[in-house]
Amino acid sequence: MFTGIIEAVGSVKKITSSGSNRTFWIESPLSAEFKVDQSISHNGVCLTVEEIEGSLHKITAVDETLKKTNLSSWQPGTLVNIERCLALNGRLDGHFVQGHVDTTGICKKRTDKKGSWEFEFEFPKKFAELIIEKGSVCINGISLTAFNVKRKSFAVAIIPYTFEHTSIKDVHAGDTVNLEFDIIGKYLLRSISLKEK
């Protein structure tokens, strides 16, 4: 379980393939602190640390993960938001994030608001019930507040600190991002759907 508060930004250094799997070596300021078998959020995707070499750590994405996230588009140099799992004795500064990406979205527009940035994202309309005005949404692992929510799109506002300290600065119109919707909304929707049957 994560919070969507990014601890560091890493970058992809090496990519190899084996069958349908893809392995990534990520360099980050936190890599040397990780432990093998630790679960780490990479752009909102919970992946297991397999090896550590200095400032690098190794992760592998299986076919299912590659199909449902933007990891298949990663290249050497791609910036990656990094977050360690939630410590139960810590504060929940973002929202509950599982690290299980629901779908990908497309950045439709990026606007410099002269002090902040506004991004508009489009997503498959079958997920429309999972996002609400002023509700939480996780974009590439970042906990953000959605507004101007429509059937297939929503917007987020990015403050300078988040812009500078996450990979959102590298997202432009046409780019694909990982989306995870609020887990509480998922359980509520599931409960309601079962009562209707």
N, C-alpha and C. Protein backbone atom coordinates (compact mmCIF):
# COMPACT_ATOMS: atom_id res chain seq x y z
N MET A 1 0.84 -1.19 0.00
CA MET A 1 0.00 0.00 0.00
C MET A 1 0.89 1.25 0.00
N PHE A 2 0.48 2.24 -0.78
CA PHE A 2 1.26 3.46 -0.93
C PHE A 2 0.37 4.67 -0.65
N THR A 3 0.96 5.87 -0.76
CA THR A 3 0.19 7.09 -0.49
C THR A 3 0.12 8.04 -1.69
N GLY A 4 0.96 7.80 -2.69
CA GLY A 4 0.99 8.71 -3.83
C GLY A 4 1.85 9.93 -3.60
N ILE A 5 2.62 9.93 -2.52
CA ILE A 5 3.57 11.01 -2.26
C ILE A 5 4.95 10.54 -2.71
N ILE A 6 5.44 11.09 -3.79
CA ILE A 6 6.67 10.61 -4.43
C ILE A 6 7.88 10.96 -3.59
N GLU A 7 8.75 9.96 -3.40
CA GLU A 7 9.96 10.17 -2.60
C GLU A 7 11.17 10.55 -3.45
N ALA A 8 11.23 10.05 -4.66
CA ALA A 8 12.37 10.33 -5.52
C ALA A 8 11.99 10.07 -6.97
N VAL A 9 12.76 10.64 -7.87
CA VAL A 9 12.60 10.36 -9.30
C VAL A 9 13.83 9.61 -9.77
N GLY A 10 13.60 8.45 -10.35
CA GLY A 10 14.68 7.66 -10.91
C GLY A 10 14.65 7.73 -12.42
N SER A 11 15.56 7.01 -13.05
CA SER A 11 15.55 6.95 -14.51
C SER A 11 15.91 5.54 -14.97
N VAL A 12 15.34 5.15 -16.08
CA VAL A 12 15.60 3.84 -16.65
C VAL A 12 16.99 3.85 -17.27
N LYS A 13 17.83 2.88 -16.89
CA LYS A 13 19.19 2.81 -17.42
C LYS A 13 19.38 1.69 -18.43
N LYS A 14 18.68 0.56 -18.21
CA LYS A 14 18.88 -0.59 -19.10
C LYS A 14 17.59 -1.40 -19.15
N ILE A 15 17.28 -1.93 -20.33
CA ILE A 15 16.08 -2.75 -20.52
C ILE A 15 16.46 -4.03 -21.25
N THR A 16 16.00 -5.17 -20.72
CA THR A 16 16.19 -6.44 -21.42
C THR A 16 14.86 -7.18 -21.46
N SER A 17 14.73 -8.11 -22.39
CA SER A 17 13.51 -8.90 -22.52
C SER A 17 13.83 -10.37 -22.41
N SER A 18 12.88 -11.12 -21.82
CA SER A 18 12.99 -12.56 -21.72
C SER A 18 11.60 -13.13 -21.88
N GLY A 19 11.33 -13.76 -23.01
CA GLY A 19 9.97 -14.20 -23.30
C GLY A 19 9.06 -12.99 -23.39
N SER A 20 7.96 -13.02 -22.64
CA SER A 20 7.03 -11.89 -22.64
C SER A 20 7.32 -10.89 -21.52
N ASN A 21 8.34 -11.17 -20.72
CA ASN A 21 8.71 -10.28 -19.62
C ASN A 21 9.70 -9.21 -20.08
N ARG A 22 9.68 -8.08 -19.37
CA ARG A 22 10.66 -7.03 -19.63
C ARG A 22 11.29 -6.62 -18.30
N THR A 23 12.62 -6.60 -18.28
CA THR A 23 13.36 -6.27 -17.07
C THR A 23 13.98 -4.88 -17.21
N PHE A 24 13.88 -4.11 -16.13
CA PHE A 24 14.39 -2.74 -16.13
C PHE A 24 15.40 -2.57 -15.00
N TRP A 25 16.49 -1.89 -15.31
CA TRP A 25 17.41 -1.42 -14.28
C TRP A 25 17.14 0.07 -14.09
N ILE A 26 16.79 0.44 -12.85
CA ILE A 26 16.43 1.82 -12.52
C ILE A 26 17.50 2.43 -11.62
N GLU A 27 17.93 3.63 -11.95
CA GLU A 27 18.86 4.36 -11.08
C GLU A 27 18.06 5.41 -10.32
N SER A 28 18.22 5.43 -8.99
CA SER A 28 17.52 6.43 -8.18
C SER A 28 18.31 6.73 -6.92
N PRO A 29 18.03 7.86 -6.27
CA PRO A 29 18.72 8.19 -5.02
C PRO A 29 18.39 7.22 -3.89
N LEU A 30 17.32 6.43 -4.03
CA LEU A 30 16.89 5.52 -2.97
C LEU A 30 17.30 4.07 -3.21
N SER A 31 17.74 3.75 -4.41
CA SER A 31 17.99 2.35 -4.78
C SER A 31 18.89 1.62 -3.80
N ALA A 32 19.95 2.28 -3.33
CA ALA A 32 20.89 1.63 -2.42
C ALA A 32 20.26 1.29 -1.07
N GLU A 33 19.14 1.94 -0.74
CA GLU A 33 18.45 1.69 0.53
C GLU A 33 17.43 0.56 0.43
N PHE A 34 17.11 0.14 -0.78
CA PHE A 34 16.12 -0.91 -0.96
C PHE A 34 16.65 -2.26 -0.52
N LYS A 35 15.74 -3.20 -0.36
CA LYS A 35 16.10 -4.58 -0.06
C LYS A 35 15.49 -5.47 -1.13
N VAL A 36 16.17 -6.55 -1.45
CA VAL A 36 15.63 -7.51 -2.40
C VAL A 36 14.30 -8.05 -1.86
N ASP A 37 13.32 -8.17 -2.71
CA ASP A 37 11.97 -8.64 -2.41
C ASP A 37 11.07 -7.54 -1.85
N GLN A 38 11.56 -6.31 -1.82
CA GLN A 38 10.76 -5.18 -1.34
C GLN A 38 9.83 -4.70 -2.45
N SER A 39 8.62 -4.31 -2.08
CA SER A 39 7.65 -3.78 -3.04
C SER A 39 7.81 -2.27 -3.14
N ILE A 40 8.03 -1.79 -4.35
CA ILE A 40 8.26 -0.36 -4.59
C ILE A 40 7.31 0.09 -5.70
N SER A 41 6.75 1.29 -5.54
CA SER A 41 5.90 1.87 -6.58
C SER A 41 6.79 2.56 -7.61
N HIS A 42 6.62 2.15 -8.88
CA HIS A 42 7.33 2.75 -10.01
C HIS A 42 6.28 3.35 -10.94
N ASN A 43 6.17 4.67 -10.95
CA ASN A 43 5.12 5.34 -11.74
C ASN A 43 3.74 4.76 -11.41
N GLY A 44 3.55 4.41 -10.13
CA GLY A 44 2.27 3.91 -9.68
C GLY A 44 2.09 2.41 -9.83
N VAL A 45 3.10 1.72 -10.31
CA VAL A 45 3.03 0.27 -10.47
C VAL A 45 3.85 -0.40 -9.38
N CYS A 46 3.22 -1.26 -8.59
CA CYS A 46 3.91 -1.98 -7.51
C CYS A 46 4.73 -3.10 -8.12
N LEU A 47 6.06 -3.02 -7.98
CA LEU A 47 6.97 -4.02 -8.54
C LEU A 47 7.99 -4.44 -7.49
N THR A 48 8.47 -5.65 -7.61
CA THR A 48 9.39 -6.23 -6.62
C THR A 48 10.84 -5.99 -7.00
N VAL A 49 11.63 -5.54 -6.03
CA VAL A 49 13.07 -5.36 -6.24
C VAL A 49 13.72 -6.74 -6.29
N GLU A 50 14.45 -7.00 -7.37
CA GLU A 50 15.08 -8.32 -7.57
C GLU A 50 16.57 -8.31 -7.29
N GLU A 51 17.23 -7.23 -7.64
CA GLU A 51 18.66 -7.09 -7.40
C GLU A 51 18.98 -5.63 -7.14
N ILE A 52 20.10 -5.40 -6.45
CA ILE A 52 20.57 -4.04 -6.18
C ILE A 52 22.06 -3.99 -6.48
N GLU A 53 22.46 -2.99 -7.24
CA GLU A 53 23.88 -2.76 -7.54
C GLU A 53 24.16 -1.28 -7.40
N GLY A 54 24.67 -0.88 -6.23
CA GLY A 54 24.96 0.53 -5.99
C GLY A 54 23.71 1.37 -6.05
N SER A 55 23.68 2.32 -6.97
CA SER A 55 22.53 3.21 -7.10
C SER A 55 21.48 2.68 -8.08
N LEU A 56 21.62 1.41 -8.47
CA LEU A 56 20.69 0.79 -9.42
C LEU A 56 19.92 -0.34 -8.75
N HIS A 57 18.66 -0.52 -9.16
CA HIS A 57 17.91 -1.70 -8.75
C HIS A 57 17.17 -2.27 -9.94
N LYS A 58 16.91 -3.58 -9.86
CA LYS A 58 16.31 -4.31 -10.98
C LYS A 58 14.88 -4.71 -10.66
N ILE A 59 13.99 -4.53 -11.64
CA ILE A 59 12.60 -4.94 -11.53
C ILE A 59 12.19 -5.63 -12.83
N THR A 60 11.16 -6.47 -12.75
CA THR A 60 10.66 -7.14 -13.95
C THR A 60 9.16 -6.96 -14.04
N ALA A 61 8.68 -6.63 -15.23
CA ALA A 61 7.25 -6.50 -15.50
C ALA A 61 6.82 -7.66 -16.39
N VAL A 62 5.77 -8.38 -15.96
CA VAL A 62 5.24 -9.49 -16.75
C VAL A 62 4.29 -8.95 -17.81
N ASP A 63 3.85 -9.83 -18.69
CA ASP A 63 3.01 -9.45 -19.82
C ASP A 63 1.75 -8.69 -19.39
N GLU A 64 1.07 -9.16 -18.34
CA GLU A 64 -0.15 -8.50 -17.86
C GLU A 64 0.12 -7.06 -17.46
N THR A 65 1.22 -6.82 -16.77
CA THR A 65 1.60 -5.47 -16.34
C THR A 65 1.92 -4.59 -17.55
N LEU A 66 2.64 -5.14 -18.51
CA LEU A 66 3.00 -4.38 -19.70
C LEU A 66 1.77 -3.98 -20.51
N LYS A 67 0.76 -4.84 -20.52
CA LYS A 67 -0.46 -4.55 -21.28
C LYS A 67 -1.32 -3.47 -20.62
N LYS A 68 -1.31 -3.41 -19.29
CA LYS A 68 -2.23 -2.51 -18.57
C LYS A 68 -1.60 -1.21 -18.10
N THR A 69 -0.31 -1.04 -18.34
CA THR A 69 0.39 0.16 -17.87
C THR A 69 1.18 0.78 -19.02
N ASN A 70 1.89 1.86 -18.70
CA ASN A 70 2.73 2.48 -19.74
C ASN A 70 4.17 1.98 -19.71
N LEU A 71 4.43 0.90 -18.97
CA LEU A 71 5.80 0.39 -18.88
C LEU A 71 6.33 -0.11 -20.22
N SER A 72 5.43 -0.53 -21.10
CA SER A 72 5.87 -1.03 -22.40
C SER A 72 6.48 0.08 -23.25
N SER A 73 6.20 1.34 -22.89
CA SER A 73 6.76 2.47 -23.66
C SER A 73 8.02 3.04 -23.02
N TRP A 74 8.44 2.48 -21.88
CA TRP A 74 9.66 2.98 -21.24
C TRP A 74 10.88 2.74 -22.13
N GLN A 75 11.76 3.71 -22.11
CA GLN A 75 13.02 3.64 -22.84
C GLN A 75 14.14 4.09 -21.91
N PRO A 76 15.40 3.77 -22.21
CA PRO A 76 16.49 4.32 -21.41
C PRO A 76 16.36 5.84 -21.32
N GLY A 77 16.42 6.37 -20.12
CA GLY A 77 16.25 7.81 -19.90
C GLY A 77 14.88 8.19 -19.41
N THR A 78 13.89 7.29 -19.51
CA THR A 78 12.54 7.59 -19.01
C THR A 78 12.60 7.87 -17.51
N LEU A 79 11.95 8.97 -17.09
CA LEU A 79 11.89 9.31 -15.67
C LEU A 79 10.81 8.49 -14.98
N VAL A 80 11.12 8.03 -13.77
CA VAL A 80 10.22 7.13 -13.03
C VAL A 80 10.01 7.65 -11.61
N ASN A 81 8.73 7.85 -11.23
CA ASN A 81 8.41 8.25 -9.86
C ASN A 81 8.57 7.04 -8.93
N ILE A 82 9.28 7.25 -7.83
CA ILE A 82 9.58 6.16 -6.89
C ILE A 82 8.95 6.46 -5.53
N GLU A 83 8.28 5.44 -4.97
CA GLU A 83 7.75 5.55 -3.60
C GLU A 83 7.84 4.20 -2.91
N ARG A 84 8.38 4.21 -1.68
CA ARG A 84 8.36 3.00 -0.86
C ARG A 84 6.98 2.84 -0.24
N CYS A 85 6.68 1.64 0.23
CA CYS A 85 5.35 1.37 0.77
C CYS A 85 5.09 2.18 2.05
N LEU A 86 3.80 2.33 2.34
CA LEU A 86 3.34 3.09 3.49
C LEU A 86 3.76 2.43 4.80
N ALA A 87 4.37 3.21 5.69
CA ALA A 87 4.68 2.73 7.04
C ALA A 87 3.47 3.01 7.92
N LEU A 88 3.00 2.01 8.65
CA LEU A 88 1.76 2.16 9.42
C LEU A 88 1.88 3.17 10.56
N ASN A 89 3.10 3.55 10.91
CA ASN A 89 3.27 4.56 11.96
C ASN A 89 3.48 5.95 11.38
N GLY A 90 3.23 6.09 10.05
CA GLY A 90 3.44 7.39 9.40
C GLY A 90 2.13 8.09 9.09
N ARG A 91 2.24 9.30 8.57
CA ARG A 91 1.07 10.08 8.19
C ARG A 91 0.66 9.74 6.76
N LEU A 92 -0.62 9.74 6.52
CA LEU A 92 -1.14 9.51 5.18
C LEU A 92 -1.34 10.86 4.50
N ASP A 93 -0.29 11.37 3.86
CA ASP A 93 -0.35 12.70 3.26
C ASP A 93 -1.09 12.73 1.93
N GLY A 94 -1.15 11.60 1.24
CA GLY A 94 -1.85 11.55 -0.03
C GLY A 94 -3.19 10.84 0.14
N HIS A 95 -3.33 9.66 -0.48
CA HIS A 95 -4.50 8.81 -0.26
C HIS A 95 -4.06 7.36 -0.42
N PHE A 96 -4.93 6.42 -0.07
CA PHE A 96 -4.56 5.01 -0.18
C PHE A 96 -4.39 4.62 -1.65
N VAL A 97 -3.19 4.17 -1.98
CA VAL A 97 -2.85 3.77 -3.34
C VAL A 97 -2.33 2.33 -3.29
N GLN A 98 -2.91 1.45 -4.08
CA GLN A 98 -2.50 0.05 -4.05
C GLN A 98 -1.28 -0.25 -4.90
N GLY A 99 -1.05 0.56 -5.92
CA GLY A 99 0.02 0.23 -6.86
C GLY A 99 -0.46 -0.74 -7.92
N HIS A 100 -1.79 -0.86 -8.05
CA HIS A 100 -2.42 -1.72 -9.05
C HIS A 100 -3.12 -0.81 -10.06
N VAL A 101 -2.48 -0.56 -11.16
CA VAL A 101 -2.98 0.38 -12.16
C VAL A 101 -4.27 -0.14 -12.79
N ASP A 102 -5.28 0.73 -12.85
CA ASP A 102 -6.57 0.34 -13.43
C ASP A 102 -6.56 0.43 -14.96
N THR A 103 -5.94 1.46 -15.46
CA THR A 103 -5.91 1.68 -16.91
C THR A 103 -4.88 2.75 -17.22
N THR A 104 -4.69 3.03 -18.47
CA THR A 104 -3.83 4.14 -18.86
C THR A 104 -4.71 5.28 -19.39
N GLY A 105 -4.17 6.47 -19.32
CA GLY A 105 -4.84 7.64 -19.85
C GLY A 105 -3.91 8.37 -20.80
N ILE A 106 -4.47 9.28 -21.56
CA ILE A 106 -3.68 10.08 -22.51
C ILE A 106 -3.75 11.54 -22.10
N CYS A 107 -2.58 12.18 -22.04
CA CYS A 107 -2.56 13.62 -21.78
C CYS A 107 -3.06 14.34 -23.02
N LYS A 108 -4.17 15.05 -22.86
CA LYS A 108 -4.77 15.78 -23.99
C LYS A 108 -4.27 17.22 -24.06
N LYS A 109 -3.90 17.76 -22.91
CA LYS A 109 -3.52 19.17 -22.89
C LYS A 109 -2.67 19.46 -21.66
N ARG A 110 -1.67 20.29 -21.85
CA ARG A 110 -0.82 20.75 -20.75
C ARG A 110 -0.75 22.27 -20.86
N THR A 111 -1.17 22.97 -19.80
CA THR A 111 -1.24 24.43 -19.84
C THR A 111 -0.40 25.04 -18.73
N ASP A 112 0.51 25.92 -19.10
CA ASP A 112 1.30 26.67 -18.12
C ASP A 112 0.44 27.83 -17.62
N LYS A 113 0.09 27.78 -16.33
CA LYS A 113 -0.79 28.79 -15.74
C LYS A 113 0.01 29.91 -15.06
N LYS A 114 1.29 30.01 -15.34
CA LYS A 114 2.16 31.06 -14.78
C LYS A 114 2.17 31.01 -13.24
N GLY A 115 2.57 29.90 -12.72
CA GLY A 115 2.61 29.69 -11.27
C GLY A 115 2.16 28.28 -10.92
N SER A 116 1.49 27.64 -11.84
CA SER A 116 1.09 26.24 -11.71
C SER A 116 0.89 25.69 -13.13
N TRP A 117 0.62 24.40 -13.20
CA TRP A 117 0.39 23.77 -14.50
C TRP A 117 -0.92 23.00 -14.42
N GLU A 118 -1.67 23.01 -15.51
CA GLU A 118 -2.93 22.26 -15.57
C GLU A 118 -2.80 21.21 -16.67
N PHE A 119 -3.15 19.98 -16.30
CA PHE A 119 -3.11 18.87 -17.25
C PHE A 119 -4.52 18.31 -17.42
N GLU A 120 -4.88 17.99 -18.65
CA GLU A 120 -6.14 17.31 -18.92
C GLU A 120 -5.84 15.92 -19.44
N PHE A 121 -6.52 14.92 -18.87
CA PHE A 121 -6.29 13.54 -19.26
C PHE A 121 -7.59 12.90 -19.73
N GLU A 122 -7.47 12.07 -20.75
CA GLU A 122 -8.61 11.30 -21.25
C GLU A 122 -8.42 9.84 -20.86
N PHE A 123 -9.50 9.15 -20.53
CA PHE A 123 -9.42 7.76 -20.09
C PHE A 123 -10.63 7.00 -20.64
N PRO A 124 -10.58 5.65 -20.65
CA PRO A 124 -11.72 4.87 -21.15
C PRO A 124 -12.98 5.14 -20.33
N LYS A 125 -14.12 5.39 -20.99
CA LYS A 125 -15.33 5.82 -20.28
C LYS A 125 -15.91 4.75 -19.37
N LYS A 126 -15.48 3.49 -19.50
CA LYS A 126 -15.99 2.45 -18.60
C LYS A 126 -15.53 2.67 -17.16
N PHE A 127 -14.54 3.56 -16.96
CA PHE A 127 -14.06 3.88 -15.62
C PHE A 127 -14.69 5.17 -15.07
N ALA A 128 -15.65 5.73 -15.78
CA ALA A 128 -16.21 7.03 -15.41
C ALA A 128 -16.79 7.05 -14.00
N GLU A 129 -17.36 5.94 -13.55
CA GLU A 129 -17.98 5.90 -12.22
C GLU A 129 -16.95 5.92 -11.08
N LEU A 130 -15.69 5.74 -11.41
CA LEU A 130 -14.66 5.64 -10.38
C LEU A 130 -13.95 6.96 -10.08
N ILE A 131 -14.35 8.04 -10.74
CA ILE A 131 -13.70 9.32 -10.49
C ILE A 131 -14.76 10.40 -10.30
N ILE A 132 -14.54 11.22 -9.27
CA ILE A 132 -15.51 12.27 -8.94
C ILE A 132 -14.81 13.62 -8.83
N GLU A 133 -15.60 14.67 -8.93
CA GLU A 133 -15.09 16.03 -8.78
C GLU A 133 -14.46 16.20 -7.41
N LYS A 134 -13.24 16.69 -7.39
CA LYS A 134 -12.44 16.91 -6.17
C LYS A 134 -12.07 15.61 -5.46
N GLY A 135 -12.18 14.48 -6.18
CA GLY A 135 -11.77 13.19 -5.63
C GLY A 135 -10.30 12.93 -5.92
N SER A 136 -9.76 11.92 -5.26
CA SER A 136 -8.36 11.55 -5.44
C SER A 136 -8.18 10.65 -6.65
N VAL A 137 -7.07 10.86 -7.35
CA VAL A 137 -6.69 10.00 -8.47
C VAL A 137 -5.17 9.90 -8.46
N CYS A 138 -4.67 8.74 -8.84
CA CYS A 138 -3.22 8.52 -8.86
C CYS A 138 -2.75 8.50 -10.32
N ILE A 139 -1.86 9.42 -10.66
CA ILE A 139 -1.32 9.53 -12.02
C ILE A 139 0.18 9.26 -11.97
N ASN A 140 0.62 8.19 -12.62
CA ASN A 140 2.03 7.80 -12.58
C ASN A 140 2.55 7.76 -11.14
N GLY A 141 1.68 7.29 -10.24
CA GLY A 141 2.07 7.15 -8.84
C GLY A 141 1.89 8.38 -7.99
N ILE A 142 1.44 9.50 -8.57
CA ILE A 142 1.30 10.75 -7.84
C ILE A 142 -0.15 10.92 -7.38
N SER A 143 -0.35 11.16 -6.09
CA SER A 143 -1.68 11.42 -5.56
C SER A 143 -2.09 12.85 -5.92
N LEU A 144 -3.19 12.98 -6.69
CA LEU A 144 -3.64 14.29 -7.15
C LEU A 144 -5.16 14.41 -7.00
N THR A 145 -5.64 15.64 -7.04
CA THR A 145 -7.08 15.91 -6.94
C THR A 145 -7.64 16.23 -8.32
N ALA A 146 -8.69 15.51 -8.69
CA ALA A 146 -9.31 15.69 -10.01
C ALA A 146 -10.34 16.82 -9.97
N PHE A 147 -10.44 17.56 -11.07
CA PHE A 147 -11.52 18.54 -11.21
C PHE A 147 -11.93 18.58 -12.68
N ASN A 148 -13.00 19.32 -12.95
CA ASN A 148 -13.54 19.37 -14.30
C ASN A 148 -13.73 17.95 -14.85
N VAL A 149 -14.31 17.09 -13.99
CA VAL A 149 -14.48 15.68 -14.33
C VAL A 149 -15.64 15.51 -15.31
N LYS A 150 -15.35 14.83 -16.40
CA LYS A 150 -16.37 14.53 -17.41
C LYS A 150 -16.44 13.02 -17.61
N ARG A 151 -17.26 12.58 -18.55
CA ARG A 151 -17.45 11.14 -18.74
C ARG A 151 -16.15 10.43 -19.13
N LYS A 152 -15.29 11.09 -19.89
CA LYS A 152 -14.06 10.44 -20.35
C LYS A 152 -12.81 11.26 -20.09
N SER A 153 -12.91 12.30 -19.27
CA SER A 153 -11.73 13.12 -19.03
C SER A 153 -11.81 13.82 -17.68
N PHE A 154 -10.67 14.30 -17.24
CA PHE A 154 -10.60 15.10 -16.01
C PHE A 154 -9.33 15.94 -16.09
N ALA A 155 -9.23 16.90 -15.19
CA ALA A 155 -8.05 17.76 -15.13
C ALA A 155 -7.44 17.70 -13.74
N VAL A 156 -6.17 18.03 -13.66
CA VAL A 156 -5.48 18.18 -12.37
C VAL A 156 -4.63 19.43 -12.43
N ALA A 157 -4.43 20.05 -11.28
CA ALA A 157 -3.54 21.22 -11.18
C ALA A 157 -2.27 20.79 -10.45
N ILE A 158 -1.15 21.24 -10.96
CA ILE A 158 0.15 20.84 -10.41
C ILE A 158 0.87 22.06 -9.85
N ILE A 159 1.21 22.00 -8.57
CA ILE A 159 1.95 23.09 -7.94
C ILE A 159 3.43 22.99 -8.32
N PRO A 160 4.19 24.07 -8.18
CA PRO A 160 5.60 24.04 -8.57
C PRO A 160 6.42 22.93 -7.91
N TYR A 161 6.19 22.68 -6.62
CA TYR A 161 6.98 21.64 -5.94
C TYR A 161 6.77 20.28 -6.59
N THR A 162 5.52 19.92 -6.84
CA THR A 162 5.22 18.63 -7.47
C THR A 162 5.79 18.57 -8.89
N PHE A 163 5.69 19.68 -9.60
CA PHE A 163 6.22 19.74 -10.97
C PHE A 163 7.72 19.48 -10.99
N GLU A 164 8.43 20.07 -10.04
CA GLU A 164 9.88 19.96 -10.02
C GLU A 164 10.38 18.63 -9.43
N HIS A 165 9.60 18.01 -8.55
CA HIS A 165 10.08 16.83 -7.81
C HIS A 165 9.44 15.52 -8.25
N THR A 166 8.74 15.51 -9.37
CA THR A 166 8.19 14.27 -9.93
C THR A 166 8.40 14.26 -11.44
N SER A 167 8.01 13.16 -12.06
CA SER A 167 8.18 13.05 -13.52
C SER A 167 7.04 13.71 -14.29
N ILE A 168 6.09 14.37 -13.58
CA ILE A 168 4.98 15.03 -14.29
C ILE A 168 5.51 16.11 -15.23
N LYS A 169 6.68 16.66 -14.90
CA LYS A 169 7.28 17.69 -15.76
C LYS A 169 7.64 17.14 -17.14
N ASP A 170 7.74 15.82 -17.24
CA ASP A 170 8.13 15.17 -18.49
C ASP A 170 6.91 14.71 -19.29
N VAL A 171 5.69 15.00 -18.79
CA VAL A 171 4.45 14.58 -19.47
C VAL A 171 3.95 15.70 -20.37
N HIS A 172 3.70 15.36 -21.63
CA HIS A 172 3.21 16.33 -22.61
C HIS A 172 2.00 15.76 -23.33
N ALA A 173 1.32 16.59 -24.09
CA ALA A 173 0.15 16.16 -24.85
C ALA A 173 0.52 14.96 -25.72
N GLY A 174 -0.32 13.93 -25.64
CA GLY A 174 -0.09 12.71 -26.40
C GLY A 174 0.57 11.60 -25.62
N ASP A 175 1.14 11.93 -24.47
CA ASP A 175 1.82 10.92 -23.65
C ASP A 175 0.82 10.05 -22.89
N THR A 176 1.21 8.81 -22.65
CA THR A 176 0.39 7.86 -21.90
C THR A 176 0.82 7.83 -20.45
N VAL A 177 -0.14 7.85 -19.53
CA VAL A 177 0.15 7.80 -18.10
C VAL A 177 -0.61 6.64 -17.46
N ASN A 178 -0.12 6.19 -16.30
CA ASN A 178 -0.80 5.16 -15.53
C ASN A 178 -1.84 5.80 -14.62
N LEU A 179 -3.04 5.22 -14.57
CA LEU A 179 -4.11 5.74 -13.72
C LEU A 179 -4.58 4.68 -12.74
N GLU A 180 -4.65 5.05 -11.49
CA GLU A 180 -5.29 4.22 -10.47
C GLU A 180 -6.34 5.06 -9.77
N PHE A 181 -7.58 4.58 -9.80
CA PHE A 181 -8.68 5.32 -9.19
C PHE A 181 -8.80 4.95 -7.71
N ASP A 182 -9.50 5.77 -6.96
CA ASP A 182 -9.60 5.64 -5.51
C ASP A 182 -10.21 4.30 -5.10
N ILE A 183 -9.52 3.57 -4.23
CA ILE A 183 -9.96 2.24 -3.81
C ILE A 183 -11.30 2.29 -3.08
N ILE A 184 -11.56 3.36 -2.34
CA ILE A 184 -12.83 3.47 -1.61
C ILE A 184 -13.99 3.52 -2.59
N GLY A 185 -13.83 4.28 -3.66
CA GLY A 185 -14.86 4.35 -4.68
C GLY A 185 -15.11 2.99 -5.33
N LYS A 186 -14.05 2.21 -5.51
CA LYS A 186 -14.20 0.88 -6.11
C LYS A 186 -15.04 -0.03 -5.22
N TYR A 187 -14.77 -0.01 -3.92
CA TYR A 187 -15.52 -0.88 -3.00
C TYR A 187 -16.98 -0.43 -2.90
N LEU A 188 -17.21 0.88 -2.89
CA LEU A 188 -18.59 1.37 -2.84
C LEU A 188 -19.37 0.96 -4.08
N LEU A 189 -18.74 1.12 -5.23
CA LEU A 189 -19.40 0.76 -6.48
C LEU A 189 -19.70 -0.73 -6.54
N ARG A 190 -18.76 -1.56 -6.07
CA ARG A 190 -18.95 -3.01 -6.03
C ARG A 190 -20.10 -3.38 -5.11
N SER A 191 -20.15 -2.75 -3.94
CA SER A 191 -21.21 -3.03 -2.98
C SER A 191 -22.58 -2.68 -3.56
N ILE A 192 -22.68 -1.52 -4.19
CA ILE A 192 -23.95 -1.09 -4.79
C ILE A 192 -24.38 -2.02 -5.91
N SER A 193 -23.41 -2.43 -6.75
CA SER A 193 -23.75 -3.30 -7.88
C SER A 193 -24.26 -4.66 -7.41
N LEU A 194 -23.73 -5.16 -6.29
CA LEU A 194 -24.18 -6.45 -5.76
C LEU A 194 -25.59 -6.36 -5.19
N LYS A 195 -25.92 -5.22 -4.60
CA LYS A 195 -27.26 -5.03 -4.03
C LYS A 195 -28.31 -4.90 -5.10
N GLU A 196 -27.90 -4.45 -6.30
CA GLU A 196 -28.84 -4.25 -7.39
C GLU A 196 -29.20 -5.55 -8.08
N LYS A 197 -28.40 -6.61 -7.85
CA LYS A 197 -28.62 -7.89 -8.55
C LYS A 197 -29.63 -8.76 -7.80
